[in-house]
Amino acid sequence: MNNKQLLLFSSFIFLFALSLYSQESEAVKAFRAKNDSLIKAWQKEYEEQALLRRNAFLVYIDTIPTDSLTVLNARNMELQNLPDLSRFKRLKQIQLEGHSLFQLPKAIFKADSLTHIVVGHSKLEKIQFPTNRTVKVLSLHHNQLKRIPYSVRKLKNLRSLNLENNKVEHIPRFIKRMDSLKDINLNFNQLQLNRRSNKRLAKIEAISLGGNKLTKLPENMGKLQKTKSLNLGKNSISSLPASFAELKNLEQVIFYENKFTEFPEVVLSLKRLKHIDFYRNQLTSLPDALGELDQLEQLFFSFNQLTTLPESLQKLEKLTYLYAHNNKLIVFPEWIANHKKLQRIGMSNNRIIQLPDLSLMPALTDLDVQKNLIDRFPWELLEKESIHLLILKDNAFNLNSKDRERLKSISEKLEKKGSVLVY
């Protein structure tokens, strides 16, 4: 092929590719136009429904007697301003979700009877609270707050604070002086966790810091001496500081979707643990010492790279939930068949070849072993009275037409009594 032919051929390829690109672009444009019109139609319908709810709500507020309203429940009305609520002196709960509120008048929080304040899925950038000794629960989730409002300290007996999905960056100093505060949810913010943060959270029993793009924890984690529940899911943590072993009161720890490749040894020092969650990490093995945590009730290890489960887990007499979906397990542990407390077992999406007889397990209610290589169908489980959910599909069962008819009949009977069989 000479240069002229090569040039013509190259031009042809270019024009052909451009033609395909143009066709694809037109298809993409058509797809977008169709979806844009659907979104606009949905948006219009939502706004119309919101208007109807808003008008009905405003009429209701104007006509209801001031001494009869105890729960204000207003959702998805796209309110931009609140009507005067200060006249309702017996109000116990304020629930406002799905609005366009940038701020709220301080006066609506003056009722001495008020115990719960929920203002979520709005556009709050600031909020002021008067001094109050009755409010126990405050939720300002899904707003635009850049800091924990300073006036929160005036809620003297506040027990639960939820600021999930805001833009909070720091734990303020006043939090450590709120003696009644037991539960704080700061999931999906922009927290910069440091040594000062832990000192300020030292009295909190339940701490949720998931989804804050944390890569490591401060060295003084041991300051959280009163913490019983710690949620650090959806971060980028791959190791724990030595002081983590000092959290002797910890009962629940969540490391869902982090970057652990090895099970952290410091966790094995926490003898009161009841719940461990390492969903969606890169663990390749579990330590035998895990079986020494004899208070464990729930284990979640799905979506890792596990090839076996340690035999020591059979010593966990209080274990009720065991989930190990989406790993590389080949063997379904024989000891499980003799366990007295296990209720829910999930081992789908593995490479399990054989399932032991689980029919004598007294507590078993849920079993999910779909998408494995099991060849023997567990007929005995179909007669087990305690079973509520049995998922067996996508295995290597060799079922003939008679077997399938039998299964269809059994499935219908199970459905009538509220149980589910998926095969």
Protein backbone atom coordinates (compact mmCIF):
# COMPACT_ATOMS: atom_id res chain seq x y z
CA MET A 1 0.00 0.00 0.00
CA ASN A 2 1.50 3.34 -1.15
CA ASN A 3 1.32 6.58 0.80
CA LYS A 4 -1.69 7.84 -1.14
CA GLN A 5 -3.62 4.61 -0.52
CA LEU A 6 -2.59 4.66 3.13
CA LEU A 7 -3.83 8.24 3.46
CA LEU A 8 -7.15 7.37 1.81
CA PHE A 9 -7.56 4.31 4.03
CA SER A 10 -6.77 6.34 7.16
CA SER A 11 -9.27 8.98 6.11
CA PHE A 12 -11.91 6.29 5.60
CA ILE A 13 -11.28 4.85 9.07
CA PHE A 14 -11.43 8.32 10.62
CA LEU A 15 -14.71 9.18 8.86
CA PHE A 16 -16.18 5.78 9.78
CA ALA A 17 -15.22 6.24 13.43
CA LEU A 18 -16.61 9.78 13.37
CA SER A 19 -19.84 8.43 11.92
CA LEU A 20 -20.11 5.86 14.69
CA TYR A 21 -19.32 8.51 17.27
CA SER A 22 -22.01 10.78 15.83
CA GLN A 23 -24.53 7.96 15.83
CA GLU A 24 -23.64 7.11 19.42
CA SER A 25 -23.89 10.76 20.41
CA GLU A 26 -27.34 11.01 18.84
CA ALA A 27 -28.39 7.88 20.73
CA VAL A 28 -27.00 9.27 23.94
CA LYS A 29 -28.77 12.57 23.32
CA ALA A 30 -32.05 10.77 22.72
CA PHE A 31 -31.58 8.72 25.88
CA ARG A 32 -30.82 11.83 27.89
CA ALA A 33 -33.76 13.72 26.45
CA LYS A 34 -36.12 10.88 27.32
CA ASN A 35 -34.79 10.62 30.86
CA ASP A 36 -34.76 14.40 31.32
CA SER A 37 -38.44 14.52 30.38
CA LEU A 38 -39.21 11.72 32.85
CA ILE A 39 -37.31 13.54 35.60
CA LYS A 40 -39.14 16.77 34.82
CA ALA A 41 -42.49 14.97 34.90
CA TRP A 42 -41.61 13.35 38.22
CA GLN A 43 -40.41 16.69 39.60
CA LYS A 44 -43.63 18.40 38.53
CA GLU A 45 -45.74 15.67 40.14
CA TYR A 46 -43.68 15.89 43.35
CA GLU A 47 -44.08 19.69 43.49
CA GLU A 48 -47.83 19.41 42.93
CA GLN A 49 -48.16 16.85 45.72
CA ALA A 50 -45.95 18.97 47.99
CA LEU A 51 -48.18 22.00 47.33
CA LEU A 52 -51.30 20.03 48.26
CA ARG A 53 -49.66 18.78 51.47
CA ARG A 54 -48.36 22.26 52.27
CA ASN A 55 -51.78 23.92 51.88
CA ALA A 56 -53.47 21.23 53.95
CA PHE A 57 -50.82 21.59 56.66
CA LEU A 58 -51.19 25.38 56.87
CA VAL A 59 -54.98 25.08 57.18
CA TYR A 60 -54.51 22.43 59.87
CA ILE A 61 -52.09 24.61 61.87
CA ASP A 62 -54.46 27.57 61.71
CA THR A 63 -57.49 25.63 62.93
CA ILE A 64 -56.18 23.15 65.51
CA PRO A 65 -56.64 24.17 69.18
CA THR A 66 -53.38 25.28 70.80
CA ASP A 67 -53.65 22.79 73.67
CA SER A 68 -54.27 19.69 71.52
CA LEU A 69 -51.15 19.47 69.32
CA THR A 70 -48.45 17.26 70.87
CA VAL A 71 -46.76 15.86 67.75
CA LEU A 72 -46.00 18.07 64.75
CA ASN A 73 -45.34 15.77 61.80
CA ALA A 74 -44.68 17.61 58.54
CA ARG A 75 -42.83 15.82 55.72
CA ASN A 76 -42.08 16.59 52.05
CA MET A 77 -43.94 19.89 51.77
CA GLU A 78 -41.01 22.06 50.58
CA LEU A 79 -41.77 24.69 53.20
CA GLN A 80 -39.51 27.73 52.97
CA ASN A 81 -40.83 29.32 56.16
CA LEU A 82 -42.56 27.87 59.18
CA PRO A 83 -45.83 29.22 60.51
CA ASP A 84 -45.86 30.44 64.12
CA LEU A 85 -45.66 27.33 66.35
CA SER A 86 -44.82 29.09 69.60
CA ARG A 87 -48.50 29.08 70.63
CA PHE A 88 -48.50 25.28 70.99
CA LYS A 89 -47.45 24.84 74.62
CA ARG A 90 -47.93 21.05 74.86
CA LEU A 91 -45.76 20.14 71.88
CA LYS A 92 -43.60 17.06 72.55
CA GLN A 93 -42.21 16.23 69.12
CA ILE A 94 -41.30 18.34 66.09
CA GLN A 95 -40.65 16.33 62.92
CA LEU A 96 -39.82 18.39 59.83
CA GLU A 97 -38.33 16.57 56.83
CA GLY A 98 -38.13 17.40 53.15
CA HIS A 99 -38.27 21.20 53.17
CA SER A 100 -36.25 24.19 51.95
CA LEU A 101 -35.60 25.72 55.36
CA PHE A 102 -32.35 27.66 55.73
CA GLN A 103 -33.00 28.59 59.37
CA LEU A 104 -35.69 28.20 62.00
CA PRO A 105 -37.10 30.72 64.48
CA LYS A 106 -35.76 30.15 67.98
CA ALA A 107 -39.25 30.60 69.47
CA ILE A 108 -40.58 27.25 68.18
CA PHE A 109 -38.29 25.37 70.59
CA LYS A 110 -39.54 27.05 73.77
CA ALA A 111 -42.21 24.53 74.79
CA ASP A 112 -41.32 22.97 78.15
CA SER A 113 -42.89 19.70 77.02
CA LEU A 114 -40.61 19.29 73.97
CA THR A 115 -38.57 16.02 73.96
CA HIS A 116 -37.79 15.28 70.29
CA ILE A 117 -36.65 17.65 67.52
CA VAL A 118 -36.13 16.24 64.01
CA VAL A 119 -35.33 18.62 61.13
CA GLY A 120 -33.88 16.56 58.29
CA HIS A 121 -33.45 16.70 54.51
CA SER A 122 -33.58 20.47 54.45
CA LYS A 123 -31.07 23.29 53.84
CA LEU A 124 -30.25 24.46 57.35
CA GLU A 125 -27.03 26.43 57.58
CA LYS A 126 -27.56 27.59 61.17
CA ILE A 127 -29.98 27.10 64.03
CA GLN A 128 -30.47 28.56 67.50
CA PHE A 129 -31.86 26.82 70.57
CA PRO A 130 -33.04 28.41 73.81
CA THR A 131 -32.09 26.87 77.15
CA ASN A 132 -34.11 23.68 77.54
CA ARG A 133 -34.10 20.77 80.02
CA THR A 134 -36.67 18.48 78.38
CA VAL A 135 -35.27 17.81 74.88
CA LYS A 136 -33.70 14.34 74.77
CA VAL A 137 -33.30 13.75 71.02
CA LEU A 138 -32.05 16.18 68.36
CA SER A 139 -31.67 15.16 64.71
CA LEU A 140 -30.49 17.67 62.09
CA HIS A 141 -29.49 15.09 59.48
CA HIS A 142 -29.05 15.88 55.77
CA ASN A 143 -28.58 19.64 56.04
CA GLN A 144 -25.82 22.15 55.24
CA LEU A 145 -24.35 22.69 58.72
CA LYS A 146 -20.60 23.34 58.74
CA ARG A 147 -20.28 23.02 62.50
CA ILE A 148 -22.18 21.59 65.42
CA PRO A 149 -24.39 24.54 66.47
CA TYR A 150 -23.00 26.22 69.59
CA SER A 151 -26.48 26.56 71.09
CA VAL A 152 -26.78 22.76 71.27
CA ARG A 153 -25.01 23.11 74.61
CA LYS A 154 -28.20 24.78 75.95
CA LEU A 155 -30.09 21.50 75.62
CA LYS A 156 -29.03 20.46 79.10
CA ASN A 157 -30.42 16.91 79.08
CA LEU A 158 -29.82 15.98 75.46
CA ARG A 159 -29.06 12.26 75.09
CA SER A 160 -28.93 11.73 71.31
CA LEU A 161 -27.46 14.03 68.63
CA ASN A 162 -27.74 13.13 64.92
CA LEU A 163 -25.88 15.30 62.40
CA GLU A 164 -25.48 12.71 59.65
CA ASN A 165 -24.86 14.09 56.14
CA ASN A 166 -23.78 17.64 56.90
CA LYS A 167 -20.43 19.42 56.45
CA VAL A 168 -19.11 19.33 60.00
CA GLU A 169 -15.30 19.39 60.24
CA HIS A 170 -14.55 19.49 63.98
CA ILE A 171 -15.77 18.23 67.35
CA PRO A 172 -16.31 21.40 69.44
CA ARG A 173 -14.98 21.76 72.97
CA PHE A 174 -18.44 22.07 74.60
CA ILE A 175 -19.34 18.45 73.68
CA LYS A 176 -17.16 17.11 76.52
CA ARG A 177 -19.22 19.14 79.01
CA MET A 178 -22.57 17.68 77.91
CA ASP A 179 -22.85 15.04 80.61
CA SER A 180 -26.19 13.64 79.44
CA LEU A 181 -25.11 13.09 75.82
CA LYS A 182 -24.75 9.34 75.15
CA ASP A 183 -25.16 8.97 71.38
CA ILE A 184 -23.64 11.07 68.58
CA ASN A 185 -24.00 10.38 64.84
CA LEU A 186 -21.56 12.25 62.58
CA ASN A 187 -21.65 9.86 59.63
CA PHE A 188 -20.93 11.42 56.22
CA ASN A 189 -19.48 14.74 57.25
CA GLN A 190 -16.01 16.20 56.64
CA LEU A 191 -14.46 15.39 60.00
CA GLN A 192 -10.79 15.86 60.69
CA LEU A 193 -10.33 13.47 63.60
CA ASN A 194 -7.45 14.24 65.96
CA ARG A 195 -6.32 13.78 69.57
CA ARG A 196 -8.53 16.64 70.75
CA SER A 197 -11.56 14.99 69.14
CA ASN A 198 -11.16 11.86 71.24
CA LYS A 199 -10.83 13.85 74.46
CA ARG A 200 -14.06 15.65 73.63
CA LEU A 201 -15.91 12.41 72.84
CA ALA A 202 -14.64 10.58 75.93
CA LYS A 203 -18.04 10.39 77.67
CA ILE A 204 -20.09 9.24 74.66
CA GLU A 205 -21.35 5.63 74.64
CA ALA A 206 -22.34 5.35 70.96
CA ILE A 207 -20.19 7.11 68.32
CA SER A 208 -20.80 6.98 64.56
CA LEU A 209 -18.07 8.43 62.33
CA GLY A 210 -18.68 6.53 59.10
CA GLY A 211 -18.12 8.01 55.67
CA ASN A 212 -15.67 10.74 56.69
CA LYS A 213 -12.77 9.67 54.43
CA LEU A 214 -10.66 8.82 57.47
CA THR A 215 -7.38 7.04 56.66
CA LYS A 216 -6.13 6.57 60.22
CA LEU A 217 -7.24 7.02 63.81
CA PRO A 218 -5.60 9.21 66.48
CA GLU A 219 -3.08 7.47 68.75
CA ASN A 220 -5.17 8.24 71.86
CA MET A 221 -8.20 6.10 70.91
CA GLY A 222 -7.98 4.69 74.42
CA LYS A 223 -9.60 7.91 75.66
CA LEU A 224 -12.98 6.57 74.58
CA GLN A 225 -13.30 4.56 77.78
CA LYS A 226 -17.10 4.78 77.99
CA THR A 227 -17.76 3.93 74.36
CA LYS A 228 -19.87 0.80 73.83
CA SER A 229 -20.63 1.19 70.12
CA LEU A 230 -18.18 2.55 67.52
CA ASN A 231 -19.10 2.88 63.84
CA LEU A 232 -16.16 3.65 61.52
CA GLY A 233 -17.66 2.19 58.35
CA LYS A 234 -17.09 3.52 54.82
CA ASN A 235 -13.71 5.09 55.53
CA SER A 236 -10.21 4.16 54.29
CA ILE A 237 -8.72 2.75 57.49
CA SER A 238 -6.24 -0.14 57.17
CA SER A 239 -4.79 -0.41 60.70
CA LEU A 240 -5.56 0.53 64.31
CA PRO A 241 -3.41 2.25 66.93
CA ALA A 242 -2.24 0.20 69.93
CA SER A 243 -4.46 2.19 72.30
CA PHE A 244 -7.55 0.73 70.59
CA ALA A 245 -7.01 -2.28 72.88
CA GLU A 246 -7.93 -0.05 75.84
CA LEU A 247 -11.59 0.26 74.80
CA LYS A 248 -12.64 -2.31 77.38
CA ASN A 249 -16.34 -1.37 77.33
CA LEU A 250 -16.72 -1.72 73.57
CA GLU A 251 -19.56 -4.08 72.60
CA GLN A 252 -20.04 -3.21 68.93
CA VAL A 253 -17.42 -2.23 66.36
CA ILE A 254 -18.16 -1.55 62.69
CA PHE A 255 -15.42 -1.38 60.05
CA TYR A 256 -17.74 -1.88 57.08
CA GLU A 257 -16.05 -0.97 53.77
CA ASN A 258 -12.55 -0.01 54.86
CA LYS A 259 -9.14 -1.25 53.67
CA PHE A 260 -8.07 -3.91 56.15
CA THR A 261 -6.02 -6.73 54.67
CA GLU A 262 -5.33 -8.31 58.08
CA PHE A 263 -7.59 -8.67 61.08
CA PRO A 264 -6.25 -6.14 63.65
CA GLU A 265 -4.88 -7.95 66.72
CA VAL A 266 -5.87 -5.13 69.10
CA VAL A 267 -9.53 -6.07 68.59
CA LEU A 268 -8.84 -9.43 70.21
CA SER A 269 -8.26 -7.65 73.54
CA LEU A 270 -11.86 -6.41 73.69
CA LYS A 271 -13.53 -9.13 75.71
CA ARG A 272 -16.98 -7.50 75.87
CA LEU A 273 -17.48 -7.41 72.10
CA LYS A 274 -20.85 -8.70 70.94
CA HIS A 275 -20.89 -7.43 67.36
CA ILE A 276 -18.01 -7.29 64.83
CA ASP A 277 -18.52 -6.01 61.28
CA PHE A 278 -15.73 -6.20 58.65
CA TYR A 279 -17.99 -6.28 55.58
CA ARG A 280 -16.23 -5.22 52.36
CA ASN A 281 -12.56 -5.27 53.32
CA GLN A 282 -9.73 -7.43 51.95
CA LEU A 283 -9.25 -9.92 54.77
CA THR A 284 -7.69 -13.21 53.69
CA SER A 285 -7.89 -14.98 57.06
CA LEU A 286 -9.29 -14.71 60.57
CA PRO A 287 -7.28 -15.41 63.75
CA ASP A 288 -8.01 -18.46 65.91
CA ALA A 289 -8.10 -16.14 68.93
CA LEU A 290 -11.40 -14.75 67.63
CA GLY A 291 -13.00 -17.77 69.29
CA GLU A 292 -11.84 -16.46 72.71
CA LEU A 293 -14.22 -13.48 72.54
CA ASP A 294 -16.94 -15.46 74.26
CA GLN A 295 -19.54 -12.65 74.33
CA LEU A 296 -19.76 -12.48 70.53
CA GLU A 297 -23.29 -12.67 69.15
CA GLN A 298 -22.94 -11.32 65.60
CA LEU A 299 -20.11 -11.71 63.06
CA PHE A 300 -20.14 -10.01 59.66
CA PHE A 301 -17.30 -10.89 57.28
CA SER A 302 -18.98 -10.80 53.88
CA PHE A 303 -17.18 -9.47 50.78
CA ASN A 304 -13.62 -10.36 51.78
CA GLN A 305 -11.11 -12.92 50.52
CA LEU A 306 -11.56 -15.63 53.18
CA THR A 307 -10.85 -19.23 52.21
CA THR A 308 -11.70 -20.77 55.61
CA LEU A 309 -13.38 -19.92 58.89
CA PRO A 310 -11.43 -20.80 62.06
CA GLU A 311 -12.63 -23.88 63.97
CA SER A 312 -12.38 -21.85 67.17
CA LEU A 313 -15.64 -20.08 66.28
CA GLN A 314 -17.48 -23.17 67.53
CA LYS A 315 -16.63 -22.04 71.06
CA LEU A 316 -18.80 -18.94 70.64
CA GLU A 317 -21.86 -20.27 72.41
CA LYS A 318 -23.76 -16.95 72.18
CA LEU A 319 -23.28 -16.54 68.42
CA THR A 320 -26.60 -15.90 66.64
CA TYR A 321 -25.64 -14.29 63.29
CA LEU A 322 -22.79 -15.44 61.03
CA TYR A 323 -22.43 -13.80 57.63
CA ALA A 324 -19.62 -14.64 55.19
CA HIS A 325 -21.14 -13.96 51.76
CA ASN A 326 -18.89 -13.36 48.76
CA ASN A 327 -15.65 -14.92 49.95
CA LYS A 328 -13.67 -17.92 48.70
CA LEU A 329 -14.91 -20.54 51.15
CA ILE A 330 -14.78 -24.13 49.98
CA VAL A 331 -15.91 -25.90 53.15
CA PHE A 332 -19.07 -25.24 55.11
CA PRO A 333 -17.84 -25.82 58.71
CA GLU A 334 -19.18 -29.07 60.22
CA TRP A 335 -19.34 -27.57 63.71
CA ILE A 336 -22.15 -25.24 62.64
CA ALA A 337 -24.54 -28.21 62.54
CA ASN A 338 -24.12 -28.64 66.32
CA HIS A 339 -24.46 -24.99 67.29
CA LYS A 340 -27.28 -24.23 69.72
CA LYS A 341 -27.83 -20.48 69.21
CA LEU A 342 -27.09 -19.73 65.53
CA GLN A 343 -30.20 -18.24 63.92
CA ARG A 344 -29.01 -16.66 60.68
CA ILE A 345 -26.26 -17.99 58.41
CA GLY A 346 -25.23 -16.33 55.17
CA MET A 347 -22.61 -17.97 52.93
CA SER A 348 -23.80 -17.24 49.42
CA ASN A 349 -21.40 -16.57 46.54
CA ASN A 350 -18.63 -18.90 47.70
CA ARG A 351 -17.25 -22.21 46.40
CA ILE A 352 -18.85 -24.54 48.94
CA ILE A 353 -19.23 -28.09 47.66
CA GLN A 354 -21.10 -29.83 50.46
CA LEU A 355 -23.68 -28.80 53.04
CA PRO A 356 -23.90 -30.78 56.31
CA ASP A 357 -27.24 -31.78 57.82
CA LEU A 358 -28.44 -28.63 59.60
CA SER A 359 -31.92 -29.89 60.46
CA LEU A 360 -31.12 -30.46 64.16
CA MET A 361 -30.02 -26.87 64.79
CA PRO A 362 -32.63 -25.68 67.32
CA ALA A 363 -32.42 -21.93 66.60
CA LEU A 364 -31.84 -21.82 62.82
CA THR A 365 -34.33 -19.52 61.03
CA ASP A 366 -32.45 -18.12 58.00
CA LEU A 367 -29.99 -19.85 55.67
CA ASP A 368 -28.58 -18.35 52.47
CA VAL A 369 -26.18 -20.55 50.49
CA GLN A 370 -27.11 -19.52 46.96
CA LYS A 371 -24.46 -19.42 44.22
CA ASN A 372 -22.21 -22.19 45.50
CA LEU A 373 -21.30 -25.64 44.15
CA ILE A 374 -23.50 -27.75 46.46
CA ASP A 375 -24.71 -30.90 44.69
CA ARG A 376 -26.95 -32.54 47.36
CA PHE A 377 -30.30 -30.84 47.90
CA PRO A 378 -31.01 -30.38 51.66
CA TRP A 379 -34.50 -31.89 51.70
CA GLU A 380 -34.39 -32.29 55.48
CA LEU A 381 -34.42 -28.50 55.96
CA LEU A 382 -37.80 -28.21 54.25
CA GLU A 383 -39.40 -30.01 57.17
CA LYS A 384 -37.75 -27.84 59.82
CA GLU A 385 -40.45 -25.80 61.59
CA SER A 386 -38.19 -22.92 62.62
CA ILE A 387 -37.03 -22.06 59.10
CA HIS A 388 -38.33 -18.70 57.82
CA LEU A 389 -35.95 -18.05 54.94
CA LEU A 390 -34.13 -20.66 52.85
CA ILE A 391 -32.21 -19.47 49.76
CA LEU A 392 -30.66 -22.30 47.74
CA LYS A 393 -30.76 -21.18 44.11
CA ASP A 394 -27.83 -21.35 41.66
CA ASN A 395 -26.17 -24.48 43.04
CA ALA A 396 -25.24 -27.75 41.35
CA PHE A 397 -28.38 -29.66 42.40
CA ASN A 398 -29.39 -32.43 40.02
CA LEU A 399 -33.18 -32.11 40.22
CA ASN A 400 -35.52 -34.00 37.94
CA SER A 401 -39.03 -32.92 36.98
CA LYS A 402 -40.54 -34.90 39.89
CA ASP A 403 -38.22 -33.15 42.35
CA ARG A 404 -39.21 -29.76 40.96
CA GLU A 405 -42.91 -30.52 41.27
CA ARG A 406 -42.33 -31.57 44.86
CA LEU A 407 -40.39 -28.37 45.56
CA LYS A 408 -43.13 -26.24 44.02
CA SER A 409 -45.73 -27.84 46.28
CA ILE A 410 -43.55 -27.47 49.39
CA SER A 411 -42.76 -23.85 48.48
CA GLU A 412 -46.47 -23.01 48.28
CA LYS A 413 -47.10 -24.58 51.69
CA LEU A 414 -44.18 -22.69 53.23
CA GLU A 415 -45.43 -19.44 51.73
CA LYS A 416 -48.83 -19.90 53.36
CA LYS A 417 -47.23 -20.06 56.79
CA GLY A 418 -45.01 -17.04 56.12
CA SER A 419 -41.78 -18.81 55.17
CA VAL A 420 -39.77 -18.27 51.98
CA LEU A 421 -38.00 -20.92 49.87
CA VAL A 422 -35.88 -19.78 46.91
CA TYR A 423 -34.39 -22.66 44.88
